[in-house]
Amino acid sequence: MNYENMLVLKKRIGSFNAGSWLDVAVGRGEFLKFAMGSFKSWNSVAGIDNDPESLELAKKELSNTPVILVMASALSMPFTNKYFDTVTMSNALHHIENLSKLFSETARICKSGGLVIINEMLHESNSDVEQSYMLYHKLISDIDIHKGSYHRETYTLREMLGMINISEFQLVDHFIHEEDTGNVMNKEEIEAISDRLKKKVSSLKGSDYYYFYENKAREVINFFLRNGIHRPRHVTFIIKVQ
């Protein structure tokens, strides 16, 4: 995900002082790195993920920063109550099966009056070129499911508004935005995403599903080459913890 092209998001979070900050489901570390350069200020920053491969990639992405990375579940975070001023998560919801537990844990570790920022892809009203990324995401999620991981389709705005309607959360604002880029045929970008897809498919070698997904991946990559890639629209929620 090329967060640096999300100029609206960068501007909107640029006025916040993050203080003691945790990024949940850090993945490859791309959003955390983006937010470190976008928040007005922050005092300390940590990231958690329960996937060791993702954490290794995040360590490389964030190697020259003071970030503390911890392997832990978002459903049982190893932190004391009311420890963090700010909790962020980006494109994490569709990777986590028990969202009510996720939100209760988030409310537990975030200070009263603290900030929760949730950024998530929208599964609706995507243009044809944005749909190219959704084809990629669908294939990645199907492979993860076959490997035993939870990875579902992304949510609609209405679904997400219903999810975060919990007593500990006060929704302050939400806004829809998308990448600010016109170069959907960027060769390096297409190659990078294609390589990630090929690597994901290669993890199925030796299984009954391998050749099926190899053919599906070839179709998706050809779609990239014909139509380009543009990430789908996102929605960001700004939440205050009660």
Protein backbone atom coordinates (compact mmCIF):
# COMPACT_ATOMS: atom_id res chain seq x y z
CA MET A 1 0.00 0.00 0.00
CA ASN A 2 1.56 3.30 -1.09
CA TYR A 3 0.38 5.47 1.79
CA GLU A 4 2.59 8.38 0.76
CA ASN A 5 0.10 9.09 -2.04
CA MET A 6 -2.76 9.42 0.48
CA LEU A 7 -2.37 13.18 0.76
CA VAL A 8 -5.79 13.81 2.32
CA LEU A 9 -5.06 11.34 5.11
CA LYS A 10 -1.60 12.84 5.64
CA LYS A 11 -3.08 16.31 6.01
CA ARG A 12 -5.94 15.25 8.28
CA ILE A 13 -3.75 13.46 10.84
CA GLY A 14 -1.03 16.10 10.62
CA SER A 15 -2.58 18.16 13.40
CA PHE A 16 -2.50 15.37 16.01
CA ASN A 17 0.07 14.87 18.75
CA ALA A 18 0.18 11.08 19.04
CA GLY A 19 2.08 10.92 22.36
CA SER A 20 2.62 7.29 23.37
CA TRP A 21 1.39 5.44 20.30
CA LEU A 22 0.67 1.85 19.23
CA ASP A 23 0.05 0.59 15.70
CA VAL A 24 -2.03 -2.60 15.69
CA ALA A 25 -1.49 -5.25 12.98
CA VAL A 26 1.58 -3.43 11.71
CA GLY A 27 2.03 -5.73 8.68
CA ARG A 28 5.01 -4.68 6.57
CA GLY A 29 5.23 -1.40 8.49
CA GLU A 30 4.21 0.86 5.62
CA PHE A 31 1.38 2.66 7.40
CA LEU A 32 3.39 3.07 10.60
CA LYS A 33 6.26 4.65 8.67
CA PHE A 34 3.81 6.94 6.85
CA ALA A 35 2.11 8.02 10.10
CA MET A 36 5.45 8.70 11.81
CA GLY A 37 6.08 11.34 9.17
CA SER A 38 2.49 12.61 9.22
CA PHE A 39 1.57 13.15 12.89
CA LYS A 40 2.47 16.56 14.25
CA SER A 41 4.48 14.84 16.98
CA TRP A 42 4.82 11.61 18.97
CA ASN A 43 6.81 10.58 22.03
CA SER A 44 7.16 6.81 21.60
CA VAL A 45 5.87 4.29 19.10
CA ALA A 46 5.34 0.53 19.06
CA GLY A 47 3.80 -1.90 16.61
CA ILE A 48 2.33 -5.38 17.05
CA ASP A 49 1.53 -8.23 14.68
CA ASN A 50 1.01 -11.96 15.15
CA ASP A 51 2.69 -12.92 11.86
CA PRO A 52 6.47 -13.42 12.15
CA GLU A 53 7.08 -12.97 8.42
CA SER A 54 5.30 -9.61 8.44
CA LEU A 55 7.27 -8.49 11.48
CA GLU A 56 10.55 -9.32 9.73
CA LEU A 57 9.50 -7.17 6.78
CA ALA A 58 8.45 -4.38 9.17
CA LYS A 59 11.85 -4.53 10.89
CA LYS A 60 13.53 -3.90 7.54
CA GLU A 61 11.11 -1.09 6.65
CA LEU A 62 11.61 0.59 10.03
CA SER A 63 15.25 -0.34 10.64
CA ASN A 64 16.44 3.25 11.12
CA THR A 65 13.63 4.32 13.45
CA PRO A 66 13.04 4.02 17.23
CA VAL A 67 9.98 1.78 16.78
CA ILE A 68 9.56 -1.18 19.14
CA LEU A 69 8.02 -4.17 17.34
CA VAL A 70 6.32 -6.95 19.29
CA MET A 71 4.87 -10.26 18.12
CA ALA A 72 1.45 -10.37 19.76
CA SER A 73 -2.22 -10.87 19.04
CA ALA A 74 -4.50 -7.87 18.63
CA LEU A 75 -7.06 -9.83 20.64
CA SER A 76 -4.82 -10.10 23.71
CA MET A 77 -2.39 -7.20 23.74
CA PRO A 78 0.51 -7.44 26.24
CA PHE A 79 0.10 -3.92 27.61
CA THR A 80 -1.27 -2.48 30.83
CA ASN A 81 -4.62 -0.70 30.98
CA LYS A 82 -4.81 2.87 29.69
CA TYR A 83 -1.18 2.93 28.57
CA PHE A 84 -1.32 4.54 25.11
CA ASP A 85 -2.41 8.02 24.05
CA THR A 86 -3.04 6.90 20.47
CA VAL A 87 -3.85 3.60 18.78
CA THR A 88 -3.82 3.24 14.98
CA MET A 89 -4.72 0.41 12.64
CA SER A 90 -4.78 0.43 8.86
CA ASN A 91 -6.32 -2.28 6.69
CA ALA A 92 -6.40 -4.51 9.73
CA LEU A 93 -10.12 -5.11 10.32
CA HIS A 94 -10.57 -7.62 7.51
CA HIS A 95 -7.68 -9.70 8.94
CA ILE A 96 -9.20 -10.04 12.42
CA GLU A 97 -12.12 -12.37 13.03
CA ASN A 98 -13.32 -11.16 16.44
CA LEU A 99 -13.78 -7.42 16.00
CA SER A 100 -15.71 -6.93 19.23
CA LYS A 101 -12.71 -8.34 21.13
CA LEU A 102 -10.34 -6.17 19.09
CA PHE A 103 -12.26 -3.02 19.96
CA SER A 104 -12.60 -3.90 23.65
CA GLU A 105 -8.83 -4.53 23.82
CA THR A 106 -8.19 -1.25 22.01
CA ALA A 107 -10.40 0.62 24.51
CA ARG A 108 -8.61 -1.13 27.40
CA ILE A 109 -5.07 -0.11 26.42
CA CYS A 110 -5.93 3.43 25.25
CA LYS A 111 -6.23 6.23 27.79
CA SER A 112 -9.60 7.85 28.46
CA GLY A 113 -9.74 10.78 26.06
CA GLY A 114 -7.17 9.05 23.89
CA LEU A 115 -7.31 8.76 20.13
CA VAL A 116 -8.08 5.73 17.93
CA ILE A 117 -7.54 6.08 14.17
CA ILE A 118 -8.86 3.30 11.94
CA ASN A 119 -8.10 3.40 8.21
CA GLU A 120 -9.64 0.75 5.97
CA MET A 121 -10.26 -0.04 2.30
CA LEU A 122 -13.88 0.29 1.18
CA HIS A 123 -15.59 -2.59 -0.57
CA GLU A 124 -17.97 -0.47 -2.63
CA SER A 125 -18.19 2.08 -5.45
CA ASN A 126 -14.73 1.34 -6.84
CA SER A 127 -13.83 2.46 -10.35
CA ASP A 128 -12.68 -0.04 -12.99
CA VAL A 129 -9.02 0.73 -12.37
CA GLU A 130 -9.48 0.54 -8.58
CA GLN A 131 -11.11 -2.83 -9.10
CA SER A 132 -7.74 -4.14 -10.30
CA TYR A 133 -6.40 -3.90 -6.77
CA MET A 134 -9.52 -5.57 -5.39
CA LEU A 135 -8.92 -8.54 -7.73
CA TYR A 136 -5.43 -8.80 -6.28
CA HIS A 137 -6.75 -8.56 -2.72
CA LYS A 138 -9.42 -11.19 -3.34
CA LEU A 139 -6.83 -13.65 -4.62
CA ILE A 140 -4.48 -12.96 -1.71
CA SER A 141 -7.30 -13.45 0.80
CA ASP A 142 -8.42 -16.72 -0.84
CA ILE A 143 -4.87 -18.08 -0.61
CA ASP A 144 -4.58 -17.07 3.04
CA ILE A 145 -7.86 -18.85 3.80
CA HIS A 146 -6.63 -22.02 2.10
CA LYS A 147 -3.50 -21.81 4.29
CA GLY A 148 -5.64 -21.54 7.42
CA SER A 149 -5.47 -17.79 8.09
CA TYR A 150 -8.44 -15.49 8.54
CA HIS A 151 -8.62 -12.96 5.68
CA ARG A 152 -11.99 -11.85 4.41
CA GLU A 153 -13.21 -9.29 1.89
CA THR A 154 -13.11 -5.69 3.04
CA TYR A 155 -16.20 -3.95 4.44
CA THR A 156 -18.68 -1.35 3.27
CA LEU A 157 -18.93 1.99 5.04
CA ARG A 158 -22.27 1.01 6.55
CA GLU A 159 -20.82 -2.22 7.94
CA MET A 160 -17.90 -0.41 9.54
CA LEU A 161 -20.06 2.32 11.07
CA GLY A 162 -22.09 -0.44 12.72
CA MET A 163 -18.97 -2.19 14.03
CA ILE A 164 -17.44 0.79 15.81
CA ASN A 165 -20.71 1.76 17.48
CA ILE A 166 -19.61 0.59 20.94
CA SER A 167 -19.98 2.29 24.31
CA GLU A 168 -16.26 2.94 24.79
CA PHE A 169 -15.89 4.73 21.44
CA GLN A 170 -17.04 8.22 20.54
CA LEU A 171 -16.86 8.78 16.79
CA VAL A 172 -15.46 12.26 16.27
CA ASP A 173 -15.17 12.24 12.47
CA HIS A 174 -14.85 10.01 9.43
CA PHE A 175 -13.88 10.80 5.86
CA ILE A 176 -13.48 8.96 2.57
CA HIS A 177 -10.32 9.47 0.55
CA GLU A 178 -8.14 7.85 -2.10
CA GLU A 179 -4.62 7.93 -3.43
CA ASP A 180 -3.65 11.13 -5.17
CA THR A 181 -1.95 9.67 -8.23
CA GLY A 182 -2.70 9.63 -11.90
CA ASN A 183 -0.03 7.15 -12.97
CA VAL A 184 -1.98 3.91 -12.83
CA MET A 185 0.44 2.30 -15.29
CA ASN A 186 3.51 2.80 -13.08
CA LYS A 187 5.77 -0.05 -14.17
CA GLU A 188 7.62 -0.41 -10.86
CA GLU A 189 4.36 -0.49 -8.92
CA ILE A 190 2.84 -3.14 -11.18
CA GLU A 191 6.00 -5.25 -10.93
CA ALA A 192 6.12 -4.95 -7.14
CA ILE A 193 2.50 -6.03 -6.64
CA SER A 194 2.84 -8.79 -9.24
CA ASP A 195 5.93 -10.12 -7.44
CA ARG A 196 4.08 -10.16 -4.11
CA LEU A 197 1.24 -12.09 -5.73
CA LYS A 198 3.64 -14.62 -7.28
CA LYS A 199 5.37 -15.10 -3.92
CA LYS A 200 2.03 -15.71 -2.21
CA VAL A 201 1.06 -18.30 -4.85
CA SER A 202 4.44 -20.02 -4.54
CA SER A 203 3.69 -20.68 -0.86
CA LEU A 204 1.07 -23.19 -2.09
CA LYS A 205 3.55 -25.35 -4.02
CA GLY A 206 2.89 -28.99 -3.36
CA SER A 207 -0.78 -28.44 -2.56
CA ASP A 208 -3.83 -29.33 -4.64
CA TYR A 209 -4.57 -25.61 -5.08
CA TYR A 210 -1.24 -24.49 -6.53
CA TYR A 211 -1.92 -24.68 -10.29
CA PHE A 212 -5.42 -23.23 -9.90
CA TYR A 213 -4.05 -20.14 -8.13
CA GLU A 214 -1.06 -19.91 -10.46
CA ASN A 215 -3.49 -19.55 -13.38
CA LYS A 216 -5.65 -17.05 -11.46
CA ALA A 217 -2.57 -14.99 -10.61
CA ARG A 218 -1.56 -14.91 -14.27
CA GLU A 219 -5.02 -13.56 -15.17
CA VAL A 220 -4.82 -10.85 -12.51
CA ILE A 221 -1.31 -9.79 -13.55
CA ASN A 222 -2.42 -9.55 -17.18
CA PHE A 223 -5.29 -7.35 -15.98
CA PHE A 224 -2.72 -5.09 -14.26
CA LEU A 225 -0.70 -4.82 -17.46
CA ARG A 226 -3.77 -3.88 -19.52
CA ASN A 227 -5.54 -1.59 -17.05
CA GLY A 228 -3.01 -0.45 -14.47
CA ILE A 229 -3.39 -0.36 -10.67
CA HIS A 230 -5.04 2.16 -8.40
CA ARG A 231 -5.84 1.39 -4.78
CA PRO A 232 -9.51 1.52 -3.80
CA ARG A 233 -11.04 4.32 -1.79
CA HIS A 234 -10.46 4.25 1.95
CA VAL A 235 -12.42 5.47 4.94
CA THR A 236 -10.70 6.81 8.05
CA PHE A 237 -12.41 6.99 11.44
CA ILE A 238 -11.24 9.40 14.14
CA ILE A 239 -12.43 8.04 17.51
CA LYS A 240 -12.10 9.26 21.08
CA VAL A 241 -11.99 6.66 23.85
CA GLN A 242 -14.49 7.34 26.65
